[in-house]
Protein backbone atom coordinates (compact mmCIF):
# COMPACT_ATOMS: atom_id res chain seq x y z
CA MET A 1 -0.03 -0.11 -0.02
CA GLY A 2 1.50 3.25 -1.05
CA ILE A 3 1.58 5.88 1.40
CA ASP A 4 -0.34 8.40 -0.58
CA ASP A 5 -3.14 5.63 -0.92
CA LYS A 6 -3.12 5.20 2.89
CA ILE A 7 -3.33 9.00 3.54
CA ASP A 8 -6.14 9.29 1.01
CA ASN A 9 -8.16 6.38 2.45
CA THR A 10 -7.52 7.51 6.06
CA SER A 11 -8.75 11.15 5.15
CA GLU A 12 -11.86 9.74 3.48
CA GLU A 13 -12.66 7.62 6.47
CA ALA A 14 -12.28 10.52 8.82
CA ALA A 15 -14.50 12.73 6.55
CA GLY A 16 -17.05 9.99 6.50
CA LYS A 17 -16.95 9.79 10.35
CA LEU A 18 -17.72 13.68 10.27
CA LYS A 19 -20.43 13.57 7.90
CA GLU A 20 -22.12 10.48 9.78
CA GLY A 21 -21.78 12.52 13.12
CA ALA A 22 -23.25 15.65 11.83
CA GLY A 23 -25.87 13.73 10.37
CA ARG A 24 -26.68 12.28 13.66
CA ALA A 25 -26.53 15.62 15.46
CA THR A 26 -28.91 17.21 12.86
CA ALA A 27 -31.23 14.23 12.52
CA ASP A 28 -30.27 14.40 8.72
CA GLU A 29 -30.48 10.70 7.67
CA ARG A 30 -29.32 11.54 4.28
CA LEU A 31 -26.05 12.98 5.50
CA GLU A 32 -25.67 10.02 7.99
CA ALA A 33 -26.08 7.57 5.04
CA GLU A 34 -23.22 9.36 3.01
CA GLY A 35 -20.85 9.28 6.08
CA ARG A 36 -21.36 5.46 6.40
CA ALA A 37 -21.06 5.07 2.59
CA ASP A 38 -17.72 7.25 2.65
CA ARG A 39 -16.50 4.78 5.55
CA THR A 40 -17.50 1.88 3.79
CA SER A 41 -15.57 2.73 0.65
CA ALA A 42 -12.47 3.93 2.27
CA ASN A 43 -12.47 0.33 4.30
CA LEU A 44 -12.98 -1.42 1.07
CA LYS A 45 -10.10 0.36 -0.54
CA GLN A 46 -7.62 -0.11 2.15
CA ALA A 47 -8.65 -3.96 2.19
CA GLY A 48 -7.95 -4.03 -1.60
CA GLU A 49 -4.57 -2.45 -1.07
CA LYS A 50 -3.77 -4.78 1.46
CA ILE A 51 -4.66 -7.66 -1.04
CA LYS A 52 -2.46 -6.29 -3.49
CA ASP A 53 0.63 -6.01 -1.06
CA ALA A 54 -0.04 -9.47 -0.14
CA PHE A 55 0.43 -10.66 -3.70
CA LYS A 56 3.49 -8.53 -4.35
CA SER A 57 5.48 -10.07 -1.51
C-alpha cells in the first residue's frame, strides 16, 4: 500500500465519520447515510490495497 493511498483512504474515512456524526446531530438521515457510505468505501479500498500488497510479496 502506497503512503499516498493510505493517507487518502484515512482522510476519506475521517470525513465519513464527520459526515455521519453531523447527520446524527442534525437528524439528517441522508448525511448520516453518506458518511457511512464514505467510511465503507474507504475501508474497502484499504482492504484491496492490503490484498495487492500480500500478492506482491
